[in-house]
All heavy atoms as atom14 arrays in JSON, in Angstrom:
{
  "sequence": "RIDAGGTGTHYADSVEGRFTISRDNAKNTLYLQMNSLTTEDTALYYCA",
  "atom14_mask": [
    [1, 1, 1, 1, 1, 1, 1, 1, 1, 1, 1, 0, 0, 0],
    [1, 1, 1, 1, 1, 1, 1, 1, 0, 0, 0, 0, 0, 0],
    [1, 1, 1, 1, 1, 1, 1, 1, 0, 0, 0, 0, 0, 0],
    [1, 1, 1, 1, 1, 0, 0, 0, 0, 0, 0, 0, 0, 0],
    [1, 1, 1, 1, 0, 0, 0, 0, 0, 0, 0, 0, 0, 0],
    [1, 1, 1, 1, 0, 0, 0, 0, 0, 0, 0, 0, 0, 0],
    [1, 1, 1, 1, 1, 1, 1, 0, 0, 0, 0, 0, 0, 0],
    [1, 1, 1, 1, 0, 0, 0, 0, 0, 0, 0, 0, 0, 0],
    [1, 1, 1, 1, 1, 1, 1, 0, 0, 0, 0, 0, 0, 0],
    [1, 1, 1, 1, 1, 1, 1, 1, 1, 1, 0, 0, 0, 0],
    [1, 1, 1, 1, 1, 1, 1, 1, 1, 1, 1, 1, 0, 0],
    [1, 1, 1, 1, 1, 0, 0, 0, 0, 0, 0, 0, 0, 0],
    [1, 1, 1, 1, 1, 1, 1, 1, 0, 0, 0, 0, 0, 0],
    [1, 1, 1, 1, 1, 1, 0, 0, 0, 0, 0, 0, 0, 0],
    [1, 1, 1, 1, 1, 1, 1, 0, 0, 0, 0, 0, 0, 0],
    [1, 1, 1, 1, 1, 1, 1, 1, 1, 0, 0, 0, 0, 0],
    [1, 1, 1, 1, 0, 0, 0, 0, 0, 0, 0, 0, 0, 0],
    [1, 1, 1, 1, 1, 1, 1, 1, 1, 1, 1, 0, 0, 0],
    [1, 1, 1, 1, 1, 1, 1, 1, 1, 1, 1, 0, 0, 0],
    [1, 1, 1, 1, 1, 1, 1, 0, 0, 0, 0, 0, 0, 0],
    [1, 1, 1, 1, 1, 1, 1, 1, 0, 0, 0, 0, 0, 0],
    [1, 1, 1, 1, 1, 1, 0, 0, 0, 0, 0, 0, 0, 0],
    [1, 1, 1, 1, 1, 1, 1, 1, 1, 1, 1, 0, 0, 0],
    [1, 1, 1, 1, 1, 1, 1, 1, 0, 0, 0, 0, 0, 0],
    [1, 1, 1, 1, 1, 1, 1, 1, 0, 0, 0, 0, 0, 0],
    [1, 1, 1, 1, 1, 0, 0, 0, 0, 0, 0, 0, 0, 0],
    [1, 1, 1, 1, 1, 1, 1, 1, 1, 0, 0, 0, 0, 0],
    [1, 1, 1, 1, 1, 1, 1, 1, 0, 0, 0, 0, 0, 0],
    [1, 1, 1, 1, 1, 1, 1, 0, 0, 0, 0, 0, 0, 0],
    [1, 1, 1, 1, 1, 1, 1, 1, 0, 0, 0, 0, 0, 0],
    [1, 1, 1, 1, 1, 1, 1, 1, 1, 1, 1, 1, 0, 0],
    [1, 1, 1, 1, 1, 1, 1, 1, 0, 0, 0, 0, 0, 0],
    [1, 1, 1, 1, 1, 1, 1, 1, 1, 0, 0, 0, 0, 0],
    [1, 1, 1, 1, 1, 1, 1, 1, 0, 0, 0, 0, 0, 0],
    [1, 1, 1, 1, 1, 1, 1, 1, 0, 0, 0, 0, 0, 0],
    [1, 1, 1, 1, 1, 1, 0, 0, 0, 0, 0, 0, 0, 0],
    [1, 1, 1, 1, 1, 1, 1, 1, 0, 0, 0, 0, 0, 0],
    [1, 1, 1, 1, 1, 1, 1, 0, 0, 0, 0, 0, 0, 0],
    [1, 1, 1, 1, 1, 1, 1, 0, 0, 0, 0, 0, 0, 0],
    [1, 1, 1, 1, 1, 1, 1, 1, 1, 0, 0, 0, 0, 0],
    [1, 1, 1, 1, 1, 1, 1, 1, 0, 0, 0, 0, 0, 0],
    [1, 1, 1, 1, 1, 1, 1, 0, 0, 0, 0, 0, 0, 0],
    [1, 1, 1, 1, 1, 0, 0, 0, 0, 0, 0, 0, 0, 0],
    [1, 1, 1, 1, 1, 1, 1, 1, 0, 0, 0, 0, 0, 0],
    [1, 1, 1, 1, 1, 1, 1, 1, 1, 1, 1, 1, 0, 0],
    [1, 1, 1, 1, 1, 1, 1, 1, 1, 1, 1, 1, 0, 0],
    [1, 1, 1, 1, 1, 1, 0, 0, 0, 0, 0, 0, 0, 0],
    [1, 1, 1, 1, 1, 0, 0, 0, 0, 0, 0, 0, 0, 0]
  ],
  "atom14_positions": [
    [[5.55, -2.44, -1.3], [5.59, -3.84, -0.97], [5.58, -3.95, 0.54], [5.92, -3.03, 1.26], [6.83, -4.45, -1.57], [8.17, -4.02, -1.04], [9.31, -4.81, -1.68], [10.63, -4.23, -1.46], [11.43, -4.54, -0.43], [11.02, -5.41, 0.47], [12.6, -3.9, -0.35], [0.0, 0.0, 0.0], [0.0, 0.0, 0.0], [0.0, 0.0, 0.0]],
    [[5.31, -5.15, 0.96], [5.27, -5.43, 2.42], [5.78, -6.88, 2.65], [5.57, -7.78, 1.81], [3.89, -5.34, 3.01], [3.85, -5.46, 4.49], [2.89, -6.33, 2.29], [2.54, -4.97, 5.19], [0.0, 0.0, 0.0], [0.0, 0.0, 0.0], [0.0, 0.0, 0.0], [0.0, 0.0, 0.0], [0.0, 0.0, 0.0], [0.0, 0.0, 0.0]],
    [[6.67, -6.99, 3.64], [7.23, -8.28, 3.95], [6.18, -9.29, 4.38], [5.01, -8.86, 4.78], [8.25, -8.11, 5.15], [9.51, -7.24, 4.74], [9.7, -7.1, 3.53], [10.28, -6.93, 5.63], [0.0, 0.0, 0.0], [0.0, 0.0, 0.0], [0.0, 0.0, 0.0], [0.0, 0.0, 0.0], [0.0, 0.0, 0.0], [0.0, 0.0, 0.0]],
    [[6.51, -10.51, 4.35], [5.62, -11.6, 4.66], [4.97, -11.4, 6.0], [3.74, -11.68, 6.22], [6.21, -12.91, 4.53], [0.0, 0.0, 0.0], [0.0, 0.0, 0.0], [0.0, 0.0, 0.0], [0.0, 0.0, 0.0], [0.0, 0.0, 0.0], [0.0, 0.0, 0.0], [0.0, 0.0, 0.0], [0.0, 0.0, 0.0], [0.0, 0.0, 0.0]],
    [[5.7, -11.07, 7.02], [5.28, -10.93, 8.39], [4.56, -9.66, 8.68], [3.97, -9.42, 9.73], [0.0, 0.0, 0.0], [0.0, 0.0, 0.0], [0.0, 0.0, 0.0], [0.0, 0.0, 0.0], [0.0, 0.0, 0.0], [0.0, 0.0, 0.0], [0.0, 0.0, 0.0], [0.0, 0.0, 0.0], [0.0, 0.0, 0.0], [0.0, 0.0, 0.0]],
    [[4.62, -8.64, 7.7], [3.91, -7.32, 7.9], [4.75, -6.36, 8.6], [4.27, -5.25, 8.94], [0.0, 0.0, 0.0], [0.0, 0.0, 0.0], [0.0, 0.0, 0.0], [0.0, 0.0, 0.0], [0.0, 0.0, 0.0], [0.0, 0.0, 0.0], [0.0, 0.0, 0.0], [0.0, 0.0, 0.0], [0.0, 0.0, 0.0], [0.0, 0.0, 0.0]],
    [[6.03, -6.63, 8.94], [6.85, -5.67, 9.61], [7.7, -4.74, 8.86], [8.16, -3.7, 9.39], [7.74, -6.44, 10.67], [8.6, -7.32, 9.87], [6.93, -7.27, 11.62], [0.0, 0.0, 0.0], [0.0, 0.0, 0.0], [0.0, 0.0, 0.0], [0.0, 0.0, 0.0], [0.0, 0.0, 0.0], [0.0, 0.0, 0.0], [0.0, 0.0, 0.0]],
    [[7.97, -5.05, 7.57], [8.77, -4.21, 6.77], [7.94, -3.67, 5.55], [7.32, -4.49, 4.87], [0.0, 0.0, 0.0], [0.0, 0.0, 0.0], [0.0, 0.0, 0.0], [0.0, 0.0, 0.0], [0.0, 0.0, 0.0], [0.0, 0.0, 0.0], [0.0, 0.0, 0.0], [0.0, 0.0, 0.0], [0.0, 0.0, 0.0], [0.0, 0.0, 0.0]],
    [[7.92, -2.35, 5.36], [7.21, -1.79, 4.25], [8.13, -0.87, 3.46], [8.99, -0.23, 4.0], [5.98, -1.07, 4.71], [6.38, 0.03, 5.68], [5.0, -1.97, 5.5], [0.0, 0.0, 0.0], [0.0, 0.0, 0.0], [0.0, 0.0, 0.0], [0.0, 0.0, 0.0], [0.0, 0.0, 0.0], [0.0, 0.0, 0.0], [0.0, 0.0, 0.0]],
    [[7.83, -0.77, 2.15], [8.59, 0.17, 1.22], [7.61, 0.8, 0.26], [6.59, 0.15, -0.13], [9.65, -0.62, 0.55], [10.72, -1.17, 1.5], [10.51, -2.41, 2.13], [11.91, -0.76, 1.86], [11.59, -2.65, 2.88], [12.43, -1.65, 2.69], [0.0, 0.0, 0.0], [0.0, 0.0, 0.0], [0.0, 0.0, 0.0], [0.0, 0.0, 0.0]],
    [[7.98, 2.02, -0.21], [7.07, 2.8, -1.02], [7.81, 3.39, -2.23], [8.97, 3.81, -2.05], [6.38, 3.84, -0.26], [5.55, 3.37, 0.87], [6.14, 3.16, 2.15], [4.29, 2.95, 0.74], [5.36, 2.65, 3.23], [3.49, 2.49, 1.84], [4.08, 2.32, 2.98], [3.36, 1.8, 4.02], [0.0, 0.0, 0.0], [0.0, 0.0, 0.0]],
    [[7.17, 3.64, -3.26], [7.58, 4.45, -4.38], [7.65, 5.91, -3.89], [6.88, 6.3, -3.11], [6.7, 4.34, -5.58], [0.0, 0.0, 0.0], [0.0, 0.0, 0.0], [0.0, 0.0, 0.0], [0.0, 0.0, 0.0], [0.0, 0.0, 0.0], [0.0, 0.0, 0.0], [0.0, 0.0, 0.0], [0.0, 0.0, 0.0], [0.0, 0.0, 0.0]],
    [[8.63, 6.72, -4.46], [8.77, 8.09, -4.03], [7.42, 8.9, -4.26], [7.06, 9.77, -3.49], [9.88, 8.79, -4.82], [11.22, 8.29, -4.36], [11.35, 7.7, -3.28], [12.21, 8.58, -5.09], [0.0, 0.0, 0.0], [0.0, 0.0, 0.0], [0.0, 0.0, 0.0], [0.0, 0.0, 0.0], [0.0, 0.0, 0.0], [0.0, 0.0, 0.0]],
    [[6.68, 8.51, -5.34], [5.48, 9.2, -5.66], [4.42, 9.1, -4.59], [3.43, 9.95, -4.57], [5.01, 8.74, -7.02], [4.79, 7.37, -7.05], [0.0, 0.0, 0.0], [0.0, 0.0, 0.0], [0.0, 0.0, 0.0], [0.0, 0.0, 0.0], [0.0, 0.0, 0.0], [0.0, 0.0, 0.0], [0.0, 0.0, 0.0], [0.0, 0.0, 0.0]],
    [[4.43, 8.06, -3.72], [3.38, 7.89, -2.72], [3.89, 7.89, -1.33], [3.02, 7.88, -0.4], [2.64, 6.55, -2.99], [2.12, 6.47, -4.48], [3.5, 5.4, -2.71], [0.0, 0.0, 0.0], [0.0, 0.0, 0.0], [0.0, 0.0, 0.0], [0.0, 0.0, 0.0], [0.0, 0.0, 0.0], [0.0, 0.0, 0.0], [0.0, 0.0, 0.0]],
    [[5.19, 7.95, -1.12], [5.72, 7.96, 0.23], [5.1, 9.1, 1.03], [5.04, 10.24, 0.68], [7.23, 8.16, 0.07], [7.95, 8.2, 1.47], [8.13, 6.83, 2.06], [8.61, 5.94, 1.26], [7.78, 6.66, 3.24], [0.0, 0.0, 0.0], [0.0, 0.0, 0.0], [0.0, 0.0, 0.0], [0.0, 0.0, 0.0], [0.0, 0.0, 0.0]],
    [[4.69, 8.69, 2.23], [4.11, 9.68, 3.16], [2.59, 9.86, 3.01], [1.99, 10.39, 3.87], [0.0, 0.0, 0.0], [0.0, 0.0, 0.0], [0.0, 0.0, 0.0], [0.0, 0.0, 0.0], [0.0, 0.0, 0.0], [0.0, 0.0, 0.0], [0.0, 0.0, 0.0], [0.0, 0.0, 0.0], [0.0, 0.0, 0.0], [0.0, 0.0, 0.0]],
    [[2.05, 9.33, 1.94], [0.56, 9.44, 1.64], [-0.12, 8.08, 1.68], [-1.29, 8.05, 2.12], [0.33, 10.07, 0.31], [0.93, 11.5, 0.18], [0.48, 12.17, -1.12], [0.96, 11.39, -2.33], [0.2, 10.93, -3.2], [-1.16, 10.91, -3.1], [0.67, 10.19, -4.22], [0.0, 0.0, 0.0], [0.0, 0.0, 0.0], [0.0, 0.0, 0.0]],
    [[0.57, 7.03, 1.32], [-0.02, 5.75, 1.23], [0.56, 4.89, 2.35], [1.72, 5.03, 2.69], [0.29, 5.03, -0.12], [-0.44, 5.62, -1.26], [-1.12, 6.82, -1.24], [-0.44, 4.92, -2.49], [-1.79, 7.35, -2.31], [-1.07, 5.42, -3.58], [-1.75, 6.59, -3.52], [0.0, 0.0, 0.0], [0.0, 0.0, 0.0], [0.0, 0.0, 0.0]],
    [[-0.23, 3.9, 2.86], [0.2, 2.95, 3.83], [-0.2, 1.55, 3.45], [-1.41, 1.35, 3.24], [-0.34, 3.35, 5.21], [0.06, 4.63, 5.61], [0.23, 2.26, 6.27], [0.0, 0.0, 0.0], [0.0, 0.0, 0.0], [0.0, 0.0, 0.0], [0.0, 0.0, 0.0], [0.0, 0.0, 0.0], [0.0, 0.0, 0.0], [0.0, 0.0, 0.0]],
    [[0.77, 0.68, 3.32], [0.51, -0.73, 2.95], [0.45, -1.52, 4.3], [1.22, -1.23, 5.2], [1.49, -1.28, 1.99], [1.09, -2.72, 1.55], [2.86, -1.35, 2.6], [1.92, -3.26, 0.37], [0.0, 0.0, 0.0], [0.0, 0.0, 0.0], [0.0, 0.0, 0.0], [0.0, 0.0, 0.0], [0.0, 0.0, 0.0], [0.0, 0.0, 0.0]],
    [[-0.46, -2.48, 4.44], [-0.54, -3.32, 5.56], [-1.17, -4.64, 5.19], [-1.63, -4.8, 4.08], [-1.4, -2.67, 6.67], [-2.76, -2.4, 6.23], [0.0, 0.0, 0.0], [0.0, 0.0, 0.0], [0.0, 0.0, 0.0], [0.0, 0.0, 0.0], [0.0, 0.0, 0.0], [0.0, 0.0, 0.0], [0.0, 0.0, 0.0], [0.0, 0.0, 0.0]],
    [[-1.12, -5.58, 6.11], [-1.69, -6.88, 5.86], [-2.21, -7.53, 7.18], [-1.73, -7.19, 8.27], [-0.73, -7.78, 5.17], [0.45, -8.17, 6.02], [1.56, -8.81, 5.18], [1.18, -10.04, 4.59], [1.82, -10.65, 3.57], [2.9, -10.06, 3.1], [1.38, -11.77, 3.06], [0.0, 0.0, 0.0], [0.0, 0.0, 0.0], [0.0, 0.0, 0.0]],
    [[-3.26, -8.3, 7.01], [-3.74, -9.15, 8.12], [-3.63, -10.55, 7.72], [-4.5, -11.05, 6.97], [-5.16, -8.71, 8.4], [-5.72, -9.37, 9.73], [-5.14, -10.41, 10.15], [-6.65, -8.82, 10.33], [0.0, 0.0, 0.0], [0.0, 0.0, 0.0], [0.0, 0.0, 0.0], [0.0, 0.0, 0.0], [0.0, 0.0, 0.0], [0.0, 0.0, 0.0]],
    [[-2.55, -11.18, 8.17], [-2.33, -12.53, 7.71], [-3.41, -13.53, 8.24], [-3.69, -14.63, 7.58], [-0.95, -13.05, 8.23], [0.12, -12.42, 7.31], [-0.09, -11.89, 6.25], [1.41, -12.46, 7.79], [0.0, 0.0, 0.0], [0.0, 0.0, 0.0], [0.0, 0.0, 0.0], [0.0, 0.0, 0.0], [0.0, 0.0, 0.0], [0.0, 0.0, 0.0]],
    [[-4.01, -13.21, 9.39], [-5.09, -14.08, 9.93], [-6.32, -14.01, 9.02], [-7.1, -14.98, 8.99], [-5.46, -13.69, 11.35], [0.0, 0.0, 0.0], [0.0, 0.0, 0.0], [0.0, 0.0, 0.0], [0.0, 0.0, 0.0], [0.0, 0.0, 0.0], [0.0, 0.0, 0.0], [0.0, 0.0, 0.0], [0.0, 0.0, 0.0], [0.0, 0.0, 0.0]],
    [[-6.45, -12.97, 8.29], [-7.63, -12.79, 7.38], [-7.23, -13.0, 5.89], [-8.08, -12.8, 5.02], [-8.25, -11.42, 7.52], [-8.86, -11.18, 8.94], [-9.55, -9.85, 9.03], [-10.1, -9.66, 10.39], [-10.73, -8.27, 10.52], [0.0, 0.0, 0.0], [0.0, 0.0, 0.0], [0.0, 0.0, 0.0], [0.0, 0.0, 0.0], [0.0, 0.0, 0.0]],
    [[-5.99, -13.28, 5.64], [-5.48, -13.43, 4.29], [-5.84, -12.19, 3.39], [-6.25, -12.3, 2.24], [-6.05, -14.71, 3.61], [-5.48, -15.99, 4.23], [-4.49, -15.96, 4.79], [-6.28, -17.1, 4.07], [0.0, 0.0, 0.0], [0.0, 0.0, 0.0], [0.0, 0.0, 0.0], [0.0, 0.0, 0.0], [0.0, 0.0, 0.0], [0.0, 0.0, 0.0]],
    [[-5.56, -11.03, 3.97], [-5.98, -9.8, 3.22], [-4.81, -8.77, 3.31], [-4.21, -8.58, 4.31], [-7.23, -9.2, 3.84], [-8.29, -10.19, 3.91], [-7.67, -7.94, 3.15], [0.0, 0.0, 0.0], [0.0, 0.0, 0.0], [0.0, 0.0, 0.0], [0.0, 0.0, 0.0], [0.0, 0.0, 0.0], [0.0, 0.0, 0.0], [0.0, 0.0, 0.0]],
    [[-4.65, -8.17, 2.15], [-3.68, -7.01, 1.94], [-4.46, -5.7, 1.79], [-5.55, -5.7, 1.13], [-2.84, -7.36, 0.67], [-1.84, -6.25, 0.25], [-0.62, -6.32, 1.22], [-1.36, -6.48, -1.19], [0.0, 0.0, 0.0], [0.0, 0.0, 0.0], [0.0, 0.0, 0.0], [0.0, 0.0, 0.0], [0.0, 0.0, 0.0], [0.0, 0.0, 0.0]],
    [[-3.93, -4.65, 2.32], [-4.57, -3.31, 2.26], [-3.67, -2.2, 1.73], [-2.43, -2.34, 1.84], [-5.03, -2.93, 3.68], [-5.94, -3.91, 4.41], [-5.45, -4.77, 5.31], [-7.3, -3.91, 4.12], [-6.3, -5.69, 5.97], [-8.11, -4.76, 4.79], [-7.65, -5.69, 5.69], [-8.47, -6.52, 6.38], [0.0, 0.0, 0.0], [0.0, 0.0, 0.0]],
    [[-4.26, -1.24, 1.18], [-3.56, -0.01, 0.8], [-4.44, 1.18, 1.18], [-5.51, 1.41, 0.63], [-3.22, 0.02, -0.69], [-2.36, 1.19, -1.14], [-0.99, 1.1, -0.5], [-2.35, 1.3, -2.64], [0.0, 0.0, 0.0], [0.0, 0.0, 0.0], [0.0, 0.0, 0.0], [0.0, 0.0, 0.0], [0.0, 0.0, 0.0], [0.0, 0.0, 0.0]],
    [[-4.05, 1.92, 2.23], [-4.62, 3.16, 2.61], [-4.11, 4.25, 1.83], [-2.76, 4.48, 1.92], [-4.49, 3.4, 4.17], [-5.09, 4.72, 4.62], [-6.61, 4.69, 4.53], [-7.22, 3.73, 4.92], [-7.17, 5.76, 4.02], [0.0, 0.0, 0.0], [0.0, 0.0, 0.0], [0.0, 0.0, 0.0], [0.0, 0.0, 0.0], [0.0, 0.0, 0.0]],
    [[-4.89, 4.99, 1.14], [-4.43, 6.07, 0.26], [-5.04, 7.41, 0.78], [-6.21, 7.54, 0.81], [-4.81, 5.92, -1.1], [-4.33, 4.57, -1.7], [-4.71, 4.32, -3.54], [-6.51, 4.33, -3.38], [0.0, 0.0, 0.0], [0.0, 0.0, 0.0], [0.0, 0.0, 0.0], [0.0, 0.0, 0.0], [0.0, 0.0, 0.0], [0.0, 0.0, 0.0]],
    [[-4.14, 8.32, 1.19], [-4.53, 9.67, 1.64], [-3.98, 10.76, 0.74], [-3.08, 10.57, -0.02], [-4.05, 9.88, 3.01], [-4.65, 8.92, 4.03], [-5.77, 8.41, 3.95], [-3.86, 8.63, 5.1], [0.0, 0.0, 0.0], [0.0, 0.0, 0.0], [0.0, 0.0, 0.0], [0.0, 0.0, 0.0], [0.0, 0.0, 0.0], [0.0, 0.0, 0.0]],
    [[-4.57, 12.0, 0.86], [-4.12, 13.09, 0.1], [-4.02, 12.82, -1.45], [-3.02, 13.14, -2.01], [-2.79, 13.63, 0.68], [-2.83, 13.93, 2.04], [0.0, 0.0, 0.0], [0.0, 0.0, 0.0], [0.0, 0.0, 0.0], [0.0, 0.0, 0.0], [0.0, 0.0, 0.0], [0.0, 0.0, 0.0], [0.0, 0.0, 0.0], [0.0, 0.0, 0.0]],
    [[-4.98, 12.23, -1.93], [-4.95, 11.77, -3.33], [-4.93, 12.97, -4.29], [-5.53, 13.95, -4.01], [-6.17, 10.91, -3.58], [-6.15, 9.51, -3.02], [-7.5, 8.85, -2.97], [-5.15, 8.59, -3.74], [0.0, 0.0, 0.0], [0.0, 0.0, 0.0], [0.0, 0.0, 0.0], [0.0, 0.0, 0.0], [0.0, 0.0, 0.0], [0.0, 0.0, 0.0]],
    [[-4.21, 12.77, -5.42], [-4.18, 13.65, -6.45], [-4.63, 13.11, -7.78], [-4.7, 11.85, -7.84], [-2.72, 14.33, -6.71], [-1.97, 13.36, -7.33], [-2.08, 14.67, -5.29], [0.0, 0.0, 0.0], [0.0, 0.0, 0.0], [0.0, 0.0, 0.0], [0.0, 0.0, 0.0], [0.0, 0.0, 0.0], [0.0, 0.0, 0.0], [0.0, 0.0, 0.0]],
    [[-4.83, 13.92, -8.78], [-5.26, 13.36, -10.07], [-4.15, 12.46, -10.62], [-4.48, 11.49, -11.4], [-5.49, 14.49, -11.06], [-4.34, 15.34, -11.25], [-6.64, 15.34, -10.62], [0.0, 0.0, 0.0], [0.0, 0.0, 0.0], [0.0, 0.0, 0.0], [0.0, 0.0, 0.0], [0.0, 0.0, 0.0], [0.0, 0.0, 0.0], [0.0, 0.0, 0.0]],
    [[-2.95, 12.57, -10.27], [-1.84, 11.66, -10.85], [-1.96, 10.31, -10.18], [-1.24, 9.39, -10.61], [-0.54, 12.31, -10.61], [-0.32, 13.54, -11.47], [1.16, 14.02, -11.5], [2.02, 13.41, -10.82], [1.39, 14.99, -12.14], [0.0, 0.0, 0.0], [0.0, 0.0, 0.0], [0.0, 0.0, 0.0], [0.0, 0.0, 0.0], [0.0, 0.0, 0.0]],
    [[-2.81, 10.08, -9.18], [-2.98, 8.78, -8.55], [-4.03, 7.98, -9.36], [-4.21, 6.85, -8.99], [-3.37, 8.92, -7.06], [-2.23, 9.5, -6.27], [-1.09, 9.06, -6.37], [-2.58, 10.36, -5.41], [0.0, 0.0, 0.0], [0.0, 0.0, 0.0], [0.0, 0.0, 0.0], [0.0, 0.0, 0.0], [0.0, 0.0, 0.0], [0.0, 0.0, 0.0]],
    [[-4.73, 8.57, -10.28], [-5.71, 7.92, -11.07], [-5.02, 6.78, -11.79], [-4.15, 6.94, -12.56], [-6.36, 8.86, -12.03], [-7.1, 9.86, -11.37], [-7.31, 8.1, -12.99], [0.0, 0.0, 0.0], [0.0, 0.0, 0.0], [0.0, 0.0, 0.0], [0.0, 0.0, 0.0], [0.0, 0.0, 0.0], [0.0, 0.0, 0.0], [0.0, 0.0, 0.0]],
    [[-5.55, 5.57, -11.59], [-4.93, 4.35, -12.18], [-5.77, 3.12, -11.88], [-6.6, 3.16, -10.97], [-3.54, 4.18, -11.74], [0.0, 0.0, 0.0], [0.0, 0.0, 0.0], [0.0, 0.0, 0.0], [0.0, 0.0, 0.0], [0.0, 0.0, 0.0], [0.0, 0.0, 0.0], [0.0, 0.0, 0.0], [0.0, 0.0, 0.0], [0.0, 0.0, 0.0]],
    [[-5.45, 2.04, -12.53], [-5.97, 0.72, -12.17], [-5.0, 0.14, -11.15], [-3.8, 0.03, -11.48], [-6.1, -0.19, -13.4], [-6.8, -1.47, -13.23], [-8.29, -1.32, -12.74], [-6.74, -2.29, -14.46], [0.0, 0.0, 0.0], [0.0, 0.0, 0.0], [0.0, 0.0, 0.0], [0.0, 0.0, 0.0], [0.0, 0.0, 0.0], [0.0, 0.0, 0.0]],
    [[-5.39, -0.22, -9.99], [-4.58, -0.73, -8.95], [-4.67, -2.21, -8.82], [-5.77, -2.77, -8.72], [-4.93, -0.08, -7.59], [-4.45, 1.36, -7.52], [-5.04, 2.4, -8.22], [-3.32, 1.69, -6.69], [-4.55, 3.72, -8.13], [-2.86, 2.97, -6.55], [-3.45, 3.99, -7.28], [-3.0, 5.27, -7.17], [0.0, 0.0, 0.0], [0.0, 0.0, 0.0]],
    [[-3.51, -2.88, -8.83], [-3.44, -4.36, -8.73], [-2.67, -4.72, -7.4], [-1.73, -4.05, -7.03], [-2.64, -4.9, -9.83], [-3.2, -4.72, -11.24], [-2.75, -3.6, -11.93], [-4.07, -5.6, -11.84], [-3.26, -3.4, -13.25], [-4.5, -5.38, -13.13], [-4.12, -4.28, -13.8], [-4.52, -4.09, -15.12], [0.0, 0.0, 0.0], [0.0, 0.0, 0.0]],
    [[-3.11, -5.78, -6.76], [-2.23, -6.47, -5.88], [-1.56, -7.59, -6.55], [-2.1, -8.17, -7.52], [-3.01, -6.91, -4.59], [-4.25, -8.27, -4.86], [0.0, 0.0, 0.0], [0.0, 0.0, 0.0], [0.0, 0.0, 0.0], [0.0, 0.0, 0.0], [0.0, 0.0, 0.0], [0.0, 0.0, 0.0], [0.0, 0.0, 0.0], [0.0, 0.0, 0.0]],
    [[-0.34, -7.92, -6.09], [0.4, -8.94, -6.86], [1.29, -9.7, -5.75], [1.78, -9.13, -4.73], [1.34, -8.36, -7.9], [0.0, 0.0, 0.0], [0.0, 0.0, 0.0], [0.0, 0.0, 0.0], [0.0, 0.0, 0.0], [0.0, 0.0, 0.0], [0.0, 0.0, 0.0], [0.0, 0.0, 0.0], [0.0, 0.0, 0.0], [0.0, 0.0, 0.0]]
  ]
}
């Protein structure tokens, strides 16, 4: 999750250190950068 202003971020233990959430409020866009992917990351990913 990411705070409205984009300054506070939190992660599940399973992705901590590998994934980075960010947002560009000027572009109304949310991002998820995923690195060091493993087979256990296979999933349907939703923003909410």
